C-alpha atoms as a PDB file:
ATOM      1  CA  UNK A   1     123.289  96.299  96.521  1.00  0.00           C
ATOM      2  CA  UNK A   2     119.514  96.320  97.104  1.00  0.00           C
ATOM      3  CA  UNK A   3     117.033  93.678  96.040  1.00  0.00           C
ATOM      4  CA  UNK A   4     113.930  91.757  97.035  1.00  0.00           C
ATOM      5  CA  UNK A   5     113.802  88.217  98.399  1.00  0.00           C
ATOM      6  CA  UNK A   6     111.595  86.261  96.003  1.00  0.00           C
ATOM      7  CA  UNK A   7     112.140  82.708  97.258  1.00  0.00           C
ATOM      8  CA  UNK A   8     113.314  80.850 100.340  1.00  0.00           C
ATOM      9  CA  UNK A   9     114.231  77.164 100.507  1.00  0.00           C
ATOM     10  CA  UNK A  10     115.766  76.162 103.817  1.00  0.00           C
ATOM     11  CA  UNK A  11     118.599  78.665 104.486  1.00  0.00           C
ATOM     12  CA  UNK A  12     118.909  79.751 100.859  1.00  0.00           C
ATOM     13  CA  UNK A  13     117.322  83.058  99.877  1.00  0.00           C
ATOM     14  CA  UNK A  14     116.889  84.030  96.237  1.00  0.00           C
ATOM     15  CA  UNK A  15     117.323  87.809  95.976  1.00  0.00           C
ATOM     16  CA  UNK A  16     116.301  89.568  92.774  1.00  0.00           C
ATOM     17  CA  UNK A  17     118.139  92.732  91.791  1.00  0.00           C
ATOM     18  CA  UNK A  18     119.854  93.217  88.424  1.00  0.00           C
ATOM     19  CA  UNK A  19     119.655  89.420  88.319  1.00  0.00           C
ATOM     20  CA  UNK A  20     118.939  86.641  90.801  1.00  0.00           C
ATOM     21  CA  UNK A  21     121.405  85.799  93.584  1.00  0.00           C
ATOM     22  CA  UNK A  22     121.163  82.864  95.989  1.00  0.00           C
ATOM     23  CA  UNK A  23     122.255  84.262  99.360  1.00  0.00           C
ATOM     24  CA  UNK A  24     122.659  83.306 102.991  1.00  0.00           C
ATOM     25  CA  UNK A  25     121.583  85.518 105.895  1.00  0.00           C
ATOM     26  CA  UNK A  26     124.187  87.013 108.226  1.00  0.00           C
ATOM     27  CA  UNK A  27     124.477  85.365 111.625  1.00  0.00           C
ATOM     28  CA  UNK A  28     123.642  88.711 113.235  1.00  0.00           C
ATOM     29  CA  UNK A  29     119.985  88.199 112.296  1.00  0.00           C
ATOM     30  CA  UNK A  30     119.905  85.097 114.484  1.00  0.00           C
ATOM     31  CA  UNK A  31     121.333  87.065 117.398  1.00  0.00           C
ATOM     32  CA  UNK A  32     118.666  89.745 116.922  1.00  0.00           C
ATOM     33  CA  UNK A  33     116.004  87.054 116.556  1.00  0.00           C
ATOM     34  CA  UNK A  34     115.208  88.380 113.086  1.00  0.00           C
ATOM     35  CA  UNK A  35     114.420  86.187 110.112  1.00  0.00           C
ATOM     36  CA  UNK A  36     114.462  87.386 106.498  1.00  0.00           C
ATOM     37  CA  UNK A  37     111.137  86.781 104.771  1.00  0.00           C
ATOM     38  CA  UNK A  38     110.097  86.369 101.172  1.00  0.00           C
ATOM     39  CA  UNK A  39     109.028  89.860 100.087  1.00  0.00           C
ATOM     40  CA  UNK A  40     111.687  91.663 102.147  1.00  0.00           C
ATOM     41  CA  UNK A  41     113.654  94.469 100.541  1.00  0.00           C
ATOM     42  CA  UNK A  42     117.241  93.795 101.602  1.00  0.00           C
ATOM     43  CA  UNK A  43     120.779  95.073 101.247  1.00  0.00           C
ATOM     44  CA  UNK A  44     123.179  92.307 100.249  1.00  0.00           C
ATOM     45  CA  UNK A  45     126.746  91.718  99.131  1.00  0.00           C
ATOM     46  CA  UNK A  46     126.538  90.336  95.578  1.00  0.00           C
ATOM     47  CA  UNK A  47     130.084  88.939  95.736  1.00  0.00           C
ATOM     48  CA  UNK A  48     129.886  87.202  99.108  1.00  0.00           C
ATOM     49  CA  UNK A  49     126.187  86.501  98.525  1.00  0.00           C
ATOM     50  CA  UNK A  50     125.308  87.538 102.057  1.00  0.00           C
ATOM     51  CA  UNK A  51     122.137  89.403 103.140  1.00  0.00           C
ATOM     52  CA  UNK A  52     123.361  92.249 105.344  1.00  0.00           C
ATOM     53  CA  UNK A  53     120.299  94.330 106.186  1.00  0.00           C
ATOM     54  CA  UNK A  54     116.506  94.034 106.057  1.00  0.00           C
ATOM     55  CA  UNK A  55     114.742  97.264 105.119  1.00  0.00           C
ATOM     56  CA  UNK A  56     111.701  98.329 107.225  1.00  0.00           C
ATOM     57  CA  UNK A  57     108.606  96.293 106.335  1.00  0.00           C
ATOM     58  CA  UNK A  58     105.161  97.603 105.446  1.00  0.00           C
ATOM     59  CA  UNK A  59     103.699  94.475 107.031  1.00  0.00           C
ATOM     60  CA  UNK A  60     104.421  90.802 107.515  1.00  0.00           C
ATOM     61  CA  UNK A  61     102.453  87.596 107.845  1.00  0.00           C
ATOM     62  CA  UNK A  62     103.465  84.585 109.917  1.00  0.00           C
ATOM     63  CA  UNK A  63     101.658  81.966 107.888  1.00  0.00           C
ATOM     64  CA  UNK A  64     102.214  82.401 105.037  1.00  0.00           C
ATOM     65  CA  UNK A  65     105.623  83.863 105.951  1.00  0.00           C
ATOM     66  CA  UNK A  66     105.819  86.800 103.563  1.00  0.00           C
ATOM     67  CA  UNK A  67     106.277  90.563 103.918  1.00  0.00           C
ATOM     68  CA  UNK A  68     105.425  93.840 102.182  1.00  0.00           C
ATOM     69  CA  UNK A  69     102.137  92.486 100.874  1.00  0.00           C
ATOM     70  CA  UNK A  70      99.704  94.800  99.061  1.00  0.00           C
ATOM     71  CA  UNK A  71      96.773  92.419  98.686  1.00  0.00           C
ATOM     72  CA  UNK A  72      95.700  88.884  99.542  1.00  0.00           C
ATOM     73  CA  UNK A  73      93.537  86.622  97.398  1.00  0.00           C
ATOM     74  CA  UNK A  74      91.682  84.295  99.768  1.00  0.00           C
ATOM     75  CA  UNK A  75      91.024  81.185  97.690  1.00  0.00           C
ATOM     76  CA  UNK A  76      87.831  79.746  99.159  1.00  0.00           C
ATOM     77  CA  UNK A  77      86.565  76.335  98.145  1.00  0.00           C
ATOM     78  CA  UNK A  78      82.797  75.793  98.201  1.00  0.00           C
ATOM     79  CA  UNK A  79      83.046  71.994  97.951  1.00  0.00           C
ATOM     80  CA  UNK A  80      85.712  69.392  98.719  1.00  0.00           C
ATOM     81  CA  UNK A  81      86.677  70.963 101.089  1.00  0.00           C
ATOM     82  CA  UNK A  82      83.321  72.521 101.961  1.00  0.00           C
ATOM     83  CA  UNK A  83      82.850  76.260 102.373  1.00  0.00           C
ATOM     84  CA  UNK A  84      83.724  77.527 105.864  1.00  0.00           C
ATOM     85  CA  UNK A  85      82.618  80.991 106.987  1.00  0.00           C
ATOM     86  CA  UNK A  86      84.749  80.484 110.102  1.00  0.00           C
ATOM     87  CA  UNK A  87      87.997  80.114 108.172  1.00  0.00           C
ATOM     88  CA  UNK A  88      87.088  82.856 105.694  1.00  0.00           C
ATOM     89  CA  UNK A  89      86.269  85.287 108.508  1.00  0.00           C
ATOM     90  CA  UNK A  90      89.474  84.432 110.365  1.00  0.00           C
ATOM     91  CA  UNK A  91      91.508  85.134 107.247  1.00  0.00           C
ATOM     92  CA  UNK A  92      89.647  88.364 106.518  1.00  0.00           C
ATOM     93  CA  UNK A  93      90.141  89.573 110.089  1.00  0.00           C
ATOM     94  CA  UNK A  94      93.860  88.823 110.122  1.00  0.00           C
ATOM     95  CA  UNK A  95      94.384  90.334 106.672  1.00  0.00           C
ATOM     96  CA  UNK A  96      92.478  93.509 107.600  1.00  0.00           C
ATOM     97  CA  UNK A  97      94.541  93.753 110.800  1.00  0.00           C
ATOM     98  CA  UNK A  98      97.734  93.699 108.722  1.00  0.00           C
ATOM     99  CA  UNK A  99      96.448  96.537 106.487  1.00  0.00           C
ATOM    100  CA  UNK A 100      96.353  94.305 103.422  1.00  0.00           C
ATOM    101  CA  UNK A 101      93.581  94.519 100.846  1.00  0.00           C
ATOM    102  CA  UNK A 102      91.541  91.267 100.858  1.00  0.00           C
ATOM    103  CA  UNK A 103      90.129  89.752  97.652  1.00  0.00           C
ATOM    104  CA  UNK A 104      87.869  86.684  97.910  1.00  0.00           C
ATOM    105  CA  UNK A 105      87.983  84.064  95.161  1.00  0.00           C
ATOM    106  CA  UNK A 106      85.400  81.259  95.279  1.00  0.00           C
ATOM    107  CA  UNK A 107      86.429  77.987  93.640  1.00  0.00           C
ATOM    108  CA  UNK A 108      84.809  74.668  92.630  1.00  0.00           C
ATOM    109  CA  UNK A 109      81.387  76.206  91.957  1.00  0.00           C
ATOM    110  CA  UNK A 110      80.892  73.542  89.283  1.00  0.00           C
ATOM    111  CA  UNK A 111      80.582  70.900  92.034  1.00  0.00           C
ATOM    112  CA  UNK A 112      77.467  72.479  93.550  1.00  0.00           C
ATOM    113  CA  UNK A 113      73.857  71.555  92.914  1.00  0.00           C
ATOM    114  CA  UNK A 114      71.257  74.295  92.327  1.00  0.00           C
ATOM    115  CA  UNK A 115      70.255  74.757  95.973  1.00  0.00           C
ATOM    116  CA  UNK A 116      73.911  74.883  97.052  1.00  0.00           C
ATOM    117  CA  UNK A 117      74.679  77.449  94.345  1.00  0.00           C
ATOM    118  CA  UNK A 118      71.854  79.647  95.611  1.00  0.00           C
ATOM    119  CA  UNK A 119      73.207  79.552  99.169  1.00  0.00           C
ATOM    120  CA  UNK A 120      76.761  80.319  98.081  1.00  0.00           C
ATOM    121  CA  UNK A 121      75.446  83.166  95.928  1.00  0.00           C
ATOM    122  CA  UNK A 122      73.890  84.682  99.051  1.00  0.00           C
ATOM    123  CA  UNK A 123      77.225  84.526 100.849  1.00  0.00           C
ATOM    124  CA  UNK A 124      78.988  86.084  97.869  1.00  0.00           C
ATOM    125  CA  UNK A 125      76.476  88.935  97.766  1.00  0.00           C
ATOM    126  CA  UNK A 126      76.866  89.582 101.491  1.00  0.00           C
ATOM    127  CA  UNK A 127      80.655  89.868 101.350  1.00  0.00           C
ATOM    128  CA  UNK A 128      80.465  91.934  98.167  1.00  0.00           C
ATOM    129  CA  UNK A 129      78.069  94.363  99.857  1.00  0.00           C
ATOM    130  CA  UNK A 130      80.646  94.734 102.633  1.00  0.00           C
ATOM    131  CA  UNK A 131      83.005  96.139 100.000  1.00  0.00           C
ATOM    132  CA  UNK A 132      85.134  93.091  99.212  1.00  0.00           C
ATOM    133  CA  UNK A 133      86.093  92.272  95.640  1.00  0.00           C
ATOM    134  CA  UNK A 134      84.555  88.867  94.822  1.00  0.00           C
ATOM    135  CA  UNK A 135      86.033  86.680  92.079  1.00  0.00           C
ATOM    136  CA  UNK A 136      85.626  83.091  90.894  1.00  0.00           C
ATOM    137  CA  UNK A 137      88.135  80.781  89.199  1.00  0.00           C
ATOM    138  CA  UNK A 138      85.838  80.133  86.237  1.00  0.00           C
ATOM    139  CA  UNK A 139      87.548  82.633  83.924  1.00  0.00           C
ATOM    140  CA  UNK A 140      91.078  84.068  84.059  1.00  0.00           C
ATOM    141  CA  UNK A 141      89.710  87.349  82.663  1.00  0.00           C
ATOM    142  CA  UNK A 142      88.237  87.984  86.127  1.00  0.00           C
ATOM    143  CA  UNK A 143      91.782  88.629  87.339  1.00  0.00           C
ATOM    144  CA  UNK A 144      92.905  90.956  84.568  1.00  0.00           C
ATOM    145  CA  UNK A 145      94.818  93.960  85.849  1.00  0.00           C
ATOM    146  CA  UNK A 146      94.659  93.178  89.577  1.00  0.00           C
ATOM    147  CA  UNK A 147      98.311  92.089  89.965  1.00  0.00           C
ATOM    148  CA  UNK A 148     100.089  94.962  88.193  1.00  0.00           C
ATOM    149  CA  UNK A 149     102.809  96.596  90.365  1.00  0.00           C
ATOM    150  CA  UNK A 150     101.590  94.786  93.491  1.00  0.00           C
ATOM    151  CA  UNK A 151     102.748  91.994  95.796  1.00  0.00           C
ATOM    152  CA  UNK A 152      99.867  89.554  96.111  1.00  0.00           C
ATOM    153  CA  UNK A 153      99.475  86.574  98.409  1.00  0.00           C
ATOM    154  CA  UNK A 154      97.287  83.599  97.504  1.00  0.00           C
ATOM    155  CA  UNK A 155      96.082  81.939 100.667  1.00  0.00           C
ATOM    156  CA  UNK A 156      93.304  79.678 101.920  1.00  0.00           C
ATOM    157  CA  UNK A 157      92.767  76.137 103.137  1.00  0.00           C
ATOM    158  CA  UNK A 158      94.536  73.149 101.627  1.00  0.00           C
ATOM    159  CA  UNK A 159      92.746  71.781  98.580  1.00  0.00           C
ATOM    160  CA  UNK A 160      90.990  75.056  97.767  1.00  0.00           C
ATOM    161  CA  UNK A 161      92.758  75.223  94.420  1.00  0.00           C
ATOM    162  CA  UNK A 162      95.431  77.906  94.850  1.00  0.00           C
ATOM    163  CA  UNK A 163      98.045  76.202  92.679  1.00  0.00           C
ATOM    164  CA  UNK A 164      95.414  75.237  90.083  1.00  0.00           C
ATOM    165  CA  UNK A 165      94.287  78.857  89.909  1.00  0.00           C
ATOM    166  CA  UNK A 166      97.848  80.094  89.448  1.00  0.00           C
ATOM    167  CA  UNK A 167      98.337  77.540  86.665  1.00  0.00           C
ATOM    168  CA  UNK A 168      95.181  78.919  85.033  1.00  0.00           C
ATOM    169  CA  UNK A 169      96.579  82.446  85.210  1.00  0.00           C
ATOM    170  CA  UNK A 170      99.984  81.416  83.860  1.00  0.00           C
ATOM    171  CA  UNK A 171     100.197  77.960  82.290  1.00  0.00           C
ATOM    172  CA  UNK A 172     104.003  78.155  82.121  1.00  0.00           C
ATOM    173  CA  UNK A 173     104.203  77.838  85.916  1.00  0.00           C
ATOM    174  CA  UNK A 174     103.129  74.174  85.901  1.00  0.00           C
ATOM    175  CA  UNK A 175     102.725  74.168  89.669  1.00  0.00           C
ATOM    176  CA  UNK A 176     102.073  70.767  91.236  1.00  0.00           C
ATOM    177  CA  UNK A 177      98.490  70.054  92.244  1.00  0.00           C
ATOM    178  CA  UNK A 178      97.002  67.096  94.034  1.00  0.00           C
ATOM    179  CA  UNK A 179      93.707  65.449  94.824  1.00  0.00           C
ATOM    180  CA  UNK A 180      91.613  65.861  97.960  1.00  0.00           C
ATOM    181  CA  UNK A 181      92.226  63.450 100.828  1.00  0.00           C
ATOM    182  CA  UNK A 182      88.703  62.219 101.556  1.00  0.00           C
ATOM    183  CA  UNK A 183      89.841  60.657 104.817  1.00  0.00           C
ATOM    184  CA  UNK A 184      91.045  64.036 106.095  1.00  0.00           C
ATOM    185  CA  UNK A 185      88.438  66.163 104.324  1.00  0.00           C
ATOM    186  CA  UNK A 186      91.049  68.554 103.016  1.00  0.00           C
ATOM    187  CA  UNK A 187      93.646  68.863 100.314  1.00  0.00           C
ATOM    188  CA  UNK A 188      97.095  67.341 100.410  1.00  0.00           C
ATOM    189  CA  UNK A 189      99.878  69.918 100.638  1.00  0.00           C
ATOM    190  CA  UNK A 190     101.482  70.532  97.249  1.00  0.00           C
ATOM    191  CA  UNK A 191     103.315  73.830  97.845  1.00  0.00           C
ATOM    192  CA  UNK A 192     106.448  73.236  99.933  1.00  0.00           C
ATOM    193  CA  UNK A 193     107.971  76.703 100.079  1.00  0.00           C
ATOM    194  CA  UNK A 194     107.060  80.345  99.627  1.00  0.00           C
ATOM    195  CA  UNK A 195     108.004  81.989  96.354  1.00  0.00           C
ATOM    196  CA  UNK A 196     107.099  85.211  94.566  1.00  0.00           C
ATOM    197  CA  UNK A 197     106.139  84.484  90.964  1.00  0.00           C
ATOM    198  CA  UNK A 198     106.016  87.070  88.183  1.00  0.00           C
ATOM    199  CA  UNK A 199     102.452  87.202  86.870  1.00  0.00           C
ATOM    200  CA  UNK A 200     100.932  90.010  84.799  1.00  0.00           C
ATOM    201  CA  UNK A 201     103.506  92.640  85.790  1.00  0.00           C
ATOM    202  CA  UNK A 202     103.237  91.887  89.489  1.00  0.00           C
ATOM    203  CA  UNK A 203     104.603  89.477  92.074  1.00  0.00           C
ATOM    204  CA  UNK A 204     102.323  86.717  93.344  1.00  0.00           C
ATOM    205  CA  UNK A 205     103.097  84.366  96.234  1.00  0.00           C
ATOM    206  CA  UNK A 206     102.090  80.731  96.023  1.00  0.00           C
ATOM    207  CA  UNK A 207     102.187  79.636  99.654  1.00  0.00           C
ATOM    208  CA  UNK A 208     101.749  76.362 101.547  1.00  0.00           C
ATOM    209  CA  UNK A 209      98.107  75.633 102.284  1.00  0.00           C
ATOM    210  CA  UNK A 210      96.722  75.401 105.783  1.00  0.00           C
ATOM    211  CA  UNK A 211      93.435  74.571 107.463  1.00  0.00           C
ATOM    212  CA  UNK A 212      93.632  76.767 110.573  1.00  0.00           C
ATOM    213  CA  UNK A 213      94.800  80.239 111.556  1.00  0.00           C
ATOM    214  CA  UNK A 214      95.375  81.582 115.043  1.00  0.00           C
ATOM    215  CA  UNK A 215      93.787  84.848 116.212  1.00  0.00           C
ATOM    216  CA  UNK A 216      95.077  84.629 119.783  1.00  0.00           C
ATOM    217  CA  UNK A 217      97.635  87.349 119.043  1.00  0.00           C
ATOM    218  CA  UNK A 218      94.785  89.857 118.545  1.00  0.00           C
ATOM    219  CA  UNK A 219      93.042  91.647 121.402  1.00  0.00           C
ATOM    220  CA  UNK A 220      89.219  91.420 121.442  1.00  0.00           C
ATOM    221  CA  UNK A 221      88.927  95.066 120.403  1.00  0.00           C
ATOM    222  CA  UNK A 222      91.268  94.420 117.456  1.00  0.00           C
ATOM    223  CA  UNK A 223      89.073  91.534 116.345  1.00  0.00           C
ATOM    224  CA  UNK A 224      86.015  93.793 116.554  1.00  0.00           C
ATOM    225  CA  UNK A 225      87.675  96.641 114.678  1.00  0.00           C
ATOM    226  CA  UNK A 226      88.833  94.384 111.842  1.00  0.00           C
ATOM    227  CA  UNK A 227      85.473  92.711 111.242  1.00  0.00           C
ATOM    228  CA  UNK A 228      83.999  95.553 109.227  1.00  0.00           C
ATOM    229  CA  UNK A 229      80.314  94.876 109.800  1.00  0.00           C
ATOM    230  CA  UNK A 230      80.891  94.775 113.578  1.00  0.00           C
ATOM    231  CA  UNK A 231      83.021  97.908 113.699  1.00  0.00           C
ATOM    232  CA  UNK A 232      80.800  99.869 111.328  1.00  0.00           C
ATOM    233  CA  UNK A 233      77.846  99.855 113.734  1.00  0.00           C
ATOM    234  CA  UNK A 234      79.639 101.593 116.621  1.00  0.00           C
ATOM    235  CA  UNK A 235      78.076 104.980 115.873  1.00  0.00           C
ATOM    236  CA  UNK A 236      74.617 103.473 116.330  1.00  0.00           C
ATOM    237  CA  UNK A 237      75.425 101.658 119.586  1.00  0.00           C
ATOM    238  CA  UNK A 238      74.556 103.166 122.967  1.00  0.00           C
ATOM    239  CA  UNK A 239      78.182 102.924 124.122  1.00  0.00           C
ATOM    240  CA  UNK A 240      81.191 103.964 122.048  1.00  0.00           C
ATOM    241  CA  UNK A 241      83.228 101.026 123.376  1.00  0.00           C
ATOM    242  CA  UNK A 242      80.463  98.483 122.718  1.00  0.00           C
ATOM    243  CA  UNK A 243      81.798  94.988 122.063  1.00  0.00           C
ATOM    244  CA  UNK A 244      78.412  93.791 120.707  1.00  0.00           C
ATOM    245  CA  UNK A 245      78.144  90.934 123.196  1.00  0.00           C
ATOM    246  CA  UNK A 246      76.049  91.662 126.309  1.00  0.00           C
ATOM    247  CA  UNK A 247      75.706  95.451 126.216  1.00  0.00           C
ATOM    248  CA  UNK A 248      72.242  96.995 126.163  1.00  0.00           C
ATOM    249  CA  UNK A 249      71.482  99.395 123.316  1.00  0.00           C
ATOM    250  CA  UNK A 250      73.680  97.398 120.924  1.00  0.00           C
ATOM    251  CA  UNK A 251      72.701  97.993 117.308  1.00  0.00           C
ATOM    252  CA  UNK A 252      74.517  94.860 116.086  1.00  0.00           C
ATOM    253  CA  UNK A 253      72.170  92.509 117.933  1.00  0.00           C
ATOM    254  CA  UNK A 254      69.176  94.388 116.521  1.00  0.00           C
ATOM    255  CA  UNK A 255      70.618  94.167 113.012  1.00  0.00           C
ATOM    256  CA  UNK A 256      71.114  90.409 113.371  1.00  0.00           C
ATOM    257  CA  UNK A 257      67.460  90.001 114.359  1.00  0.00           C
ATOM    258  CA  UNK A 258      66.445  91.912 111.219  1.00  0.00           C
ATOM    259  CA  UNK A 259      68.922  90.025 108.996  1.00  0.00           C
ATOM    260  CA  UNK A 260      71.215  92.813 107.684  1.00  0.00           C
ATOM    261  CA  UNK A 261      74.149  91.033 109.328  1.00  0.00           C
ATOM    262  CA  UNK A 262      74.955  87.441 108.447  1.00  0.00           C
ATOM    263  CA  UNK A 263      74.248  85.341 111.528  1.00  0.00           C
ATOM    264  CA  UNK A 264      77.279  83.101 110.932  1.00  0.00           C
ATOM    265  CA  UNK A 265      79.503  86.201 110.941  1.00  0.00           C
ATOM    266  CA  UNK A 266      78.265  87.184 114.380  1.00  0.00           C
ATOM    267  CA  UNK A 267      78.680  83.623 115.713  1.00  0.00           C
ATOM    268  CA  UNK A 268      82.215  83.588 114.310  1.00  0.00           C
ATOM    269  CA  UNK A 269      82.872  86.951 115.947  1.00  0.00           C
ATOM    270  CA  UNK A 270      81.769  85.627 119.361  1.00  0.00           C
ATOM    271  CA  UNK A 271      83.892  82.500 118.891  1.00  0.00           C
ATOM    272  CA  UNK A 272      86.927  84.594 117.957  1.00  0.00           C
ATOM    273  CA  UNK A 273      86.459  86.797 121.028  1.00  0.00           C
ATOM    274  CA  UNK A 274      86.078  83.723 123.256  1.00  0.00           C
ATOM    275  CA  UNK A 275      89.054  82.020 121.530  1.00  0.00           C
ATOM    276  CA  UNK A 276      87.037  79.031 120.336  1.00  0.00           C
END
């Protein structure tokens, strides 16, 4: 029988087919160094409740550990914890690399003063002009229709409000939320496992929060090619393999001087390349 893994807790996998089955994975996966992931389409024995085969994946993420993702909502706090272009750009780069559609959702706008709101508005406009869908958590109507027939991941730093946002979208979920740890400057973890939830005719993953993501698995050229404003200027650069760092005739550096490219984005790009 075929189904999709919709939840994992320890070694128990909930597989949804004609109904839900709690299954174990065959030992052969361990020998092959394979691990079933939430989101996997699998073949399983409904009587023995054993997962026998993992179907080929469209993509997979390490953290959050989920596969076959269509789109990712990056829940981005603007206050408590403060907005970080570095983390946002890391997430965007990794999500683009995995051929997943990114959606950016800004949260906690109500905590900003007028000057802070103006600055955040400038960031929102910049990312929107790059082609990203920009949402806020102020009204659930902003999300209408985006989940239908898709697997969506909610991700972002701890305390950004992922679980609160999911509760807003579907009050019946009653997902646990928690306050910000002021000593740590980030949220306390409230999501302990990965699970696909049925919301508005789609599947949405509520995943454990995190405050860092590792780009060391990407080559410098892959980082460049998945930061859209860096890659998009290649035609205007003197060299087709320009990395936009020290090369002469680089259009990116000219565009930064004239402000079309957000300076923080370029600094983040250099830091990613240099593994900082």
